[in-house]
C-alpha cells in the first residue's frame, strides 16, 4: 500500500478517536429517527375469499336489498283499500249515491277527528275494549284447558260431546235476550255474551288440534318413556299451537262483533252505543266513524294475535315454495 493511503487511513482513525474523546459518551455518531412507514392493506390474492363483513353491515345491506320488494308488497296489500276509499270519496260527489246516507270519506274522516278531539271516541273505545278483552280473556282461559282435556281423554269427550253440539249450534245473538233477562242490562250481561261467543271457536279448534297430532310423534315420545305431563309439554302443546291460534283469532273477531250488537241494547257507552245513537240522531258521518273505528280495532287485534302465534310457532319449518 502506498504511503499516501496509509497517511489518510491514519488521519481517519485519529479523527474518530478525537470525536469519541470530545463526546465522552460514545464513539459512534447518532442516527436520525426513522420516518413512519404507511401501512397498506394487503392486496386481495386470487383464489382467496375476502374477509367477511360485520353483522351490522351485512344486515344493513340485506335490508337495502329487500327494500324494493317490501315496498312492492306494501303497495300490493294496500291497493285494494286505497281503491275502495277513492271510490267511497268519488261516488257521493259524482251523484252515484245519495250523499245524505253515504257521505264522502273526507267528511267521515273529519267527523272522526272531531270525535277524537273532544274525547268522545276515546271514552267509547275504552268502554268497548274493556268489555271485549275481559270476555275474550275469560273465554281463552276456560276453553283452551277444557279443549285439551276433551281432546285427550275420550271418556270426557263422550260425556260432554252431546252438550257441546247443542250449544255450539246456538247463535250468541239469539241468546242475547236471555242474558239480559237473567243478568240485567249492566256490564255482566255484555261480558257474558262475549264469553259465550268466544268460547266455541277456541274450544272446537283446541279439541281438533289435540286429536290430529301426528301419531308418529306420539309413538316416538312414548318410546322414550315420557311421562304424561312431559308428553303434553313437549309434543301435544307445540303441535296444537297453530290450530289453537286459528280458533283464538276467530274468537278475537267474534268478541268485537258480538259486543257491538250487545252495546246497541241497554248501553250508555261503547262503540255500539255510538253507532246506534248516531243513527237515531241522523249524524251519519259520526255513525260511519264508529264503524271505521271498529274495523281498525279488529285489524290491529288480529295482527297482534298473528305476531304472538309466530313467536310461539317459531320452531316450525316453513313450507317450501
Protein backbone atom coordinates (compact mmCIF):
# COMPACT_ATOMS: atom_id res chain seq x y z
CA UNK A 1 0.00 0.00 0.00
CA UNK A 2 1.33 3.49 -0.82
CA UNK A 3 2.36 5.97 1.90
CA UNK A 4 -0.38 8.36 0.90
CA UNK A 5 -3.06 5.83 1.54
CA UNK A 6 -1.52 4.95 4.84
CA UNK A 7 -1.45 8.58 5.88
CA UNK A 8 -5.13 9.01 5.00
CA UNK A 9 -6.10 5.94 6.94
CA UNK A 10 -4.23 7.18 9.98
CA UNK A 11 -5.90 10.53 9.75
CA UNK A 12 -9.34 8.92 9.61
CA UNK A 13 -8.54 6.81 12.64
CA UNK A 14 -7.33 9.78 14.65
CA UNK A 15 -10.43 11.75 13.74
CA UNK A 16 -12.75 9.02 15.05
CA UNK A 17 -10.70 8.85 18.26
CA UNK A 18 -10.87 12.58 18.89
CA UNK A 19 -14.63 12.57 18.33
CA UNK A 20 -15.06 9.88 20.91
CA UNK A 21 -12.94 11.94 23.36
CA UNK A 22 -14.98 15.10 22.82
CA UNK A 23 -18.35 13.48 23.46
CA UNK A 24 -17.14 11.36 26.32
CA UNK A 25 -20.10 9.06 25.99
CA UNK A 26 -19.91 7.13 22.74
CA UNK A 27 -17.56 6.66 19.81
CA UNK A 28 -20.36 6.34 17.21
CA UNK A 29 -22.46 9.07 15.66
CA UNK A 30 -26.23 9.32 16.49
CA UNK A 31 -28.64 8.34 13.67
CA UNK A 32 -31.76 10.39 12.81
CA UNK A 33 -35.13 8.78 13.84
CA UNK A 34 -36.79 6.74 11.09
CA UNK A 35 -39.94 8.16 9.48
CA UNK A 36 -43.19 6.17 9.98
CA UNK A 37 -43.96 3.92 7.05
CA UNK A 38 -47.63 3.94 5.96
CA UNK A 39 -49.34 0.57 6.33
CA UNK A 40 -51.06 -0.60 3.19
CA UNK A 41 -53.94 -3.03 3.21
CA UNK A 42 -52.96 -6.30 1.64
CA UNK A 43 -53.98 -6.77 -1.93
CA UNK A 44 -56.64 -9.47 -2.42
CA UNK A 45 -54.98 -12.56 -3.75
CA UNK A 46 -56.65 -14.56 -6.47
CA UNK A 47 -58.44 -17.62 -5.17
CA UNK A 48 -58.62 -16.29 -1.58
CA UNK A 49 -62.14 -15.22 -0.42
CA UNK A 50 -62.45 -11.71 1.06
CA UNK A 51 -62.85 -11.21 4.76
CA UNK A 52 -66.49 -11.44 5.93
CA UNK A 53 -68.31 -8.21 6.76
CA UNK A 54 -69.54 -7.40 10.22
CA UNK A 55 -73.06 -8.45 11.18
CA UNK A 56 -74.38 -4.90 11.31
CA UNK A 57 -73.05 -4.09 7.85
CA UNK A 58 -74.39 -7.32 6.39
CA UNK A 59 -77.79 -6.71 7.97
CA UNK A 60 -77.91 -3.17 6.59
CA UNK A 61 -77.09 -4.35 3.07
CA UNK A 62 -79.73 -7.08 3.31
CA UNK A 63 -82.32 -4.52 4.39
CA UNK A 64 -81.38 -2.27 1.48
CA UNK A 65 -81.70 -5.14 -0.99
CA UNK A 66 -85.10 -6.13 0.45
CA UNK A 67 -86.46 -2.58 0.45
CA UNK A 68 -87.89 -2.65 -3.11
CA UNK A 69 -89.66 -5.97 -2.52
CA UNK A 70 -91.07 -4.73 0.79
CA UNK A 71 -92.36 -1.55 -0.84
CA UNK A 72 -93.95 -3.56 -3.64
CA UNK A 73 -95.55 -5.90 -1.11
CA UNK A 74 -96.93 -2.97 0.87
CA UNK A 75 -98.35 -1.31 -2.23
CA UNK A 76 -99.95 -4.57 -3.33
CA UNK A 77 -101.60 -5.13 0.04
CA UNK A 78 -102.90 -1.57 0.36
CA UNK A 79 -104.03 -1.11 -3.26
CA UNK A 80 -107.50 -2.58 -2.71
CA UNK A 81 -108.10 -0.49 0.42
CA UNK A 82 -106.96 2.71 -1.30
CA UNK A 83 -109.17 1.93 -4.30
CA UNK A 84 -112.18 1.42 -2.01
CA UNK A 85 -111.56 4.73 -0.23
CA UNK A 86 -111.22 6.55 -3.54
CA UNK A 87 -114.47 5.02 -4.76
CA UNK A 88 -116.12 5.99 -1.49
CA UNK A 89 -114.95 9.58 -1.95
CA UNK A 90 -115.93 9.85 -5.60
CA UNK A 91 -119.32 8.10 -5.63
CA UNK A 92 -121.22 10.64 -3.47
CA UNK A 93 -119.57 13.62 -5.17
CA UNK A 94 -120.47 12.33 -8.63
CA UNK A 95 -124.07 11.69 -7.62
CA UNK A 96 -123.83 7.91 -7.93
CA UNK A 97 -125.24 7.53 -4.41
CA UNK A 98 -127.13 9.87 -2.10
CA UNK A 99 -124.51 11.67 -0.03
CA UNK A 100 -127.06 12.08 2.76
CA UNK A 101 -126.85 8.37 3.51
CA UNK A 102 -123.29 7.80 2.29
CA UNK A 103 -121.21 10.96 2.80
CA UNK A 104 -117.77 11.21 1.19
CA UNK A 105 -114.88 9.65 3.03
CA UNK A 106 -113.36 13.08 3.72
CA UNK A 107 -116.47 14.11 5.70
CA UNK A 108 -116.36 10.86 7.66
CA UNK A 109 -112.67 11.45 8.42
CA UNK A 110 -113.50 14.97 9.61
CA UNK A 111 -116.24 13.62 11.88
CA UNK A 112 -113.83 11.00 13.24
CA UNK A 113 -111.29 13.70 14.03
CA UNK A 114 -113.90 15.79 15.84
CA UNK A 115 -114.94 12.80 17.95
CA UNK A 116 -111.30 12.09 18.76
CA UNK A 117 -110.57 15.74 19.60
CA UNK A 118 -113.38 16.17 22.11
CA UNK A 119 -112.66 12.82 23.83
CA UNK A 120 -115.89 11.02 22.93
CA UNK A 121 -114.17 8.48 20.70
CA UNK A 122 -111.64 7.59 23.39
CA UNK A 123 -114.36 7.10 26.00
CA UNK A 124 -116.50 4.86 23.80
CA UNK A 125 -113.48 2.90 22.55
CA UNK A 126 -112.17 2.34 26.07
CA UNK A 127 -115.54 1.04 27.27
CA UNK A 128 -115.81 -1.38 24.34
CA UNK A 129 -112.23 -2.64 24.65
CA UNK A 130 -112.60 -3.28 28.38
CA UNK A 131 -115.68 -5.44 27.82
CA UNK A 132 -114.28 -7.17 24.76
CA UNK A 133 -110.88 -8.05 26.23
CA UNK A 134 -112.42 -9.19 29.51
CA UNK A 135 -114.78 -11.61 27.78
CA UNK A 136 -112.10 -12.74 25.33
CA UNK A 137 -109.57 -13.44 28.07
CA UNK A 138 -112.04 -15.42 30.15
CA UNK A 139 -113.09 -17.45 27.12
CA UNK A 140 -109.49 -18.37 26.22
CA UNK A 141 -108.65 -19.21 29.85
CA UNK A 142 -111.59 -21.62 30.04
CA UNK A 143 -111.73 -23.03 26.51
CA UNK A 144 -108.07 -23.98 25.98
CA UNK A 145 -107.69 -26.24 29.06
CA UNK A 146 -111.15 -27.70 28.53
CA UNK A 147 -110.38 -28.40 24.88
CA UNK A 148 -107.11 -30.12 25.79
CA UNK A 149 -108.95 -32.25 28.33
CA UNK A 150 -111.76 -33.22 25.95
CA UNK A 151 -109.42 -33.88 23.07
CA UNK A 152 -107.06 -36.10 25.04
CA UNK A 153 -109.42 -38.08 27.25
CA UNK A 154 -112.08 -39.99 25.34
CA UNK A 155 -114.45 -40.52 28.34
CA UNK A 156 -114.69 -36.76 28.87
CA UNK A 157 -115.41 -36.27 25.16
CA UNK A 158 -118.17 -38.90 25.26
CA UNK A 159 -119.71 -37.23 28.30
CA UNK A 160 -119.67 -33.61 27.09
CA UNK A 161 -119.94 -34.17 23.34
CA UNK A 162 -123.77 -34.03 23.00
CA UNK A 163 -123.98 -30.92 25.21
CA UNK A 164 -121.32 -29.15 23.18
CA UNK A 165 -123.15 -29.93 19.94
CA UNK A 166 -126.32 -28.32 21.28
CA UNK A 167 -124.73 -25.08 22.42
CA UNK A 168 -122.24 -24.60 19.60
CA UNK A 169 -125.10 -24.56 17.08
CA UNK A 170 -126.98 -21.87 19.03
CA UNK A 171 -126.08 -18.35 17.88
CA UNK A 172 -124.82 -16.00 20.56
CA UNK A 173 -127.07 -13.14 19.45
CA UNK A 174 -130.10 -15.43 19.70
CA UNK A 175 -129.32 -15.82 23.40
CA UNK A 176 -128.77 -12.10 23.99
CA UNK A 177 -132.32 -11.55 25.35
CA UNK A 178 -131.81 -14.49 27.70
CA UNK A 179 -128.57 -13.00 29.05
CA UNK A 180 -130.28 -9.61 29.51
CA UNK A 181 -133.22 -11.18 31.36
CA UNK A 182 -131.01 -13.27 33.65
CA UNK A 183 -128.13 -10.85 34.23
CA UNK A 184 -129.67 -7.44 33.59
CA UNK A 185 -128.55 -4.72 31.20
CA UNK A 186 -125.31 -3.96 33.05
CA UNK A 187 -121.74 -4.99 32.33
CA UNK A 188 -122.23 -8.61 33.41
CA UNK A 189 -124.60 -9.48 30.57
CA UNK A 190 -122.36 -7.88 27.94
CA UNK A 191 -119.20 -9.62 29.12
CA UNK A 192 -121.08 -12.92 29.45
CA UNK A 193 -122.34 -12.82 25.87
CA UNK A 194 -118.77 -12.15 24.69
CA UNK A 195 -117.50 -15.12 26.73
CA UNK A 196 -120.17 -17.34 25.21
CA UNK A 197 -119.42 -16.23 21.64
CA UNK A 198 -115.65 -16.60 22.03
CA UNK A 199 -115.64 -19.95 23.79
CA UNK A 200 -116.78 -22.12 20.89
CA UNK A 201 -114.17 -21.27 18.24
CA UNK A 202 -111.35 -21.73 20.75
CA UNK A 203 -112.81 -24.90 22.27
CA UNK A 204 -113.57 -26.68 19.00
CA UNK A 205 -110.21 -25.81 17.43
CA UNK A 206 -108.36 -26.97 20.53
CA UNK A 207 -110.18 -30.32 20.52
CA UNK A 208 -109.42 -30.76 16.82
CA UNK A 209 -105.76 -29.83 17.32
CA UNK A 210 -105.22 -32.43 20.06
CA UNK A 211 -106.98 -35.19 18.16
CA UNK A 212 -104.99 -34.53 14.99
CA UNK A 213 -101.49 -34.62 16.49
CA UNK A 214 -99.16 -36.68 14.33
CA UNK A 215 -99.34 -40.29 15.61
CA UNK A 216 -95.68 -40.82 14.69
CA UNK A 217 -94.65 -38.10 17.14
CA UNK A 218 -96.73 -39.70 19.86
CA UNK A 219 -95.19 -43.14 19.25
CA UNK A 220 -91.68 -41.68 19.32
CA UNK A 221 -92.41 -39.82 22.55
CA UNK A 222 -93.85 -42.94 24.20
CA UNK A 223 -90.85 -44.97 23.10
CA UNK A 224 -88.70 -42.54 25.10
CA UNK A 225 -90.79 -43.25 28.22
CA UNK A 226 -92.02 -39.68 28.57
CA UNK A 227 -94.50 -39.10 31.36
CA UNK A 228 -97.94 -37.70 30.60
CA UNK A 229 -97.07 -34.10 31.68
CA UNK A 230 -93.87 -34.15 29.61
CA UNK A 231 -95.78 -35.58 26.66
CA UNK A 232 -98.21 -32.67 26.85
CA UNK A 233 -95.40 -30.15 27.19
CA UNK A 234 -93.03 -31.48 24.51
CA UNK A 235 -95.36 -32.93 21.85
CA UNK A 236 -99.05 -32.12 22.16
CA UNK A 237 -98.91 -28.42 23.02
CA UNK A 238 -96.32 -27.42 20.37
CA UNK A 239 -98.15 -29.41 17.69
CA UNK A 240 -101.51 -27.88 18.67
CA UNK A 241 -100.47 -24.22 18.77
CA UNK A 242 -101.21 -23.34 15.10
CA UNK A 243 -104.74 -24.76 15.12
CA UNK A 244 -105.49 -23.35 18.57
CA UNK A 245 -104.47 -19.89 17.44
CA UNK A 246 -106.76 -20.17 14.45
CA UNK A 247 -109.64 -20.53 16.91
CA UNK A 248 -108.27 -17.68 19.05
CA UNK A 249 -108.19 -15.35 16.04
CA UNK A 250 -111.78 -16.27 15.18
CA UNK A 251 -112.72 -15.59 18.80
CA UNK A 252 -111.00 -12.21 18.69
CA UNK A 253 -113.17 -11.14 15.75
CA UNK A 254 -116.30 -12.51 17.43
CA UNK A 255 -115.55 -10.65 20.65
CA UNK A 256 -115.81 -7.29 18.89
CA UNK A 257 -118.72 -8.10 16.59
CA UNK A 258 -120.95 -9.59 19.29
CA UNK A 259 -120.11 -6.83 21.73
CA UNK A 260 -121.18 -4.11 19.30
CA UNK A 261 -124.55 -5.80 18.91
CA UNK A 262 -124.88 -6.13 22.68
CA UNK A 263 -124.00 -2.46 23.22
CA UNK A 264 -126.85 -1.41 20.96
CA UNK A 265 -129.24 -2.75 23.62
CA UNK A 266 -129.20 -1.09 27.00
CA UNK A 267 -125.74 0.52 26.96
CA UNK A 268 -124.71 4.10 27.70
CA UNK A 269 -121.16 3.91 26.39
CA UNK A 270 -119.27 1.96 23.77
CA UNK A 271 -118.80 1.94 20.03
CA UNK A 272 -122.06 0.07 19.51
CA UNK A 273 -123.87 2.74 21.51
CA UNK A 274 -122.12 5.45 19.47
CA UNK A 275 -123.24 3.91 16.18
CA UNK A 276 -126.80 3.39 17.37
CA UNK A 277 -127.22 6.87 18.84
CA UNK A 278 -125.67 8.48 15.75
CA UNK A 279 -128.20 6.68 13.58
CA UNK A 280 -131.12 7.84 15.73
CA UNK A 281 -129.83 11.43 15.68
CA UNK A 282 -129.18 11.23 11.94
CA UNK A 283 -125.49 12.02 12.48
CA UNK A 284 -124.44 9.84 9.57
CA UNK A 285 -120.73 10.83 9.41
CA UNK A 286 -120.34 10.01 13.13
CA UNK A 287 -122.01 6.66 12.55
CA UNK A 288 -119.52 5.75 9.82
CA UNK A 289 -116.67 7.00 12.01
CA UNK A 290 -117.69 4.49 14.68
CA UNK A 291 -117.85 1.71 12.10
CA UNK A 292 -114.36 2.53 10.81
CA UNK A 293 -113.01 2.52 14.36
CA UNK A 294 -114.39 -0.96 14.94
CA UNK A 295 -112.77 -2.17 11.70
CA UNK A 296 -109.41 -0.68 12.66
CA UNK A 297 -109.54 -2.29 16.11
CA UNK A 298 -110.36 -5.67 14.58
CA UNK A 299 -107.45 -5.48 12.12
CA UNK A 300 -104.99 -4.40 14.83
CA UNK A 301 -106.17 -7.12 17.23
CA UNK A 302 -105.79 -9.77 14.54
CA UNK A 303 -102.24 -8.62 13.74
CA UNK A 304 -101.29 -8.84 17.41
CA UNK A 305 -102.58 -12.42 17.57
CA UNK A 306 -100.70 -13.32 14.36
CA UNK A 307 -97.48 -11.96 15.86
CA UNK A 308 -97.95 -13.95 19.06
CA UNK A 309 -98.68 -17.08 17.03
CA UNK A 310 -95.45 -16.65 15.06
CA UNK A 311 -93.44 -16.29 18.24
CA UNK A 312 -94.96 -19.43 19.74
CA UNK A 313 -94.63 -21.37 16.48
CA UNK A 314 -91.10 -20.27 15.57
CA UNK A 315 -89.90 -23.88 15.76
CA UNK A 316 -91.90 -24.84 12.66
CA UNK A 317 -90.09 -25.20 9.34
CA UNK A 318 -91.82 -23.03 6.68
CA UNK A 319 -93.34 -24.90 3.80
CA UNK A 320 -91.31 -24.98 0.60
CA UNK A 321 -92.50 -22.72 -2.18
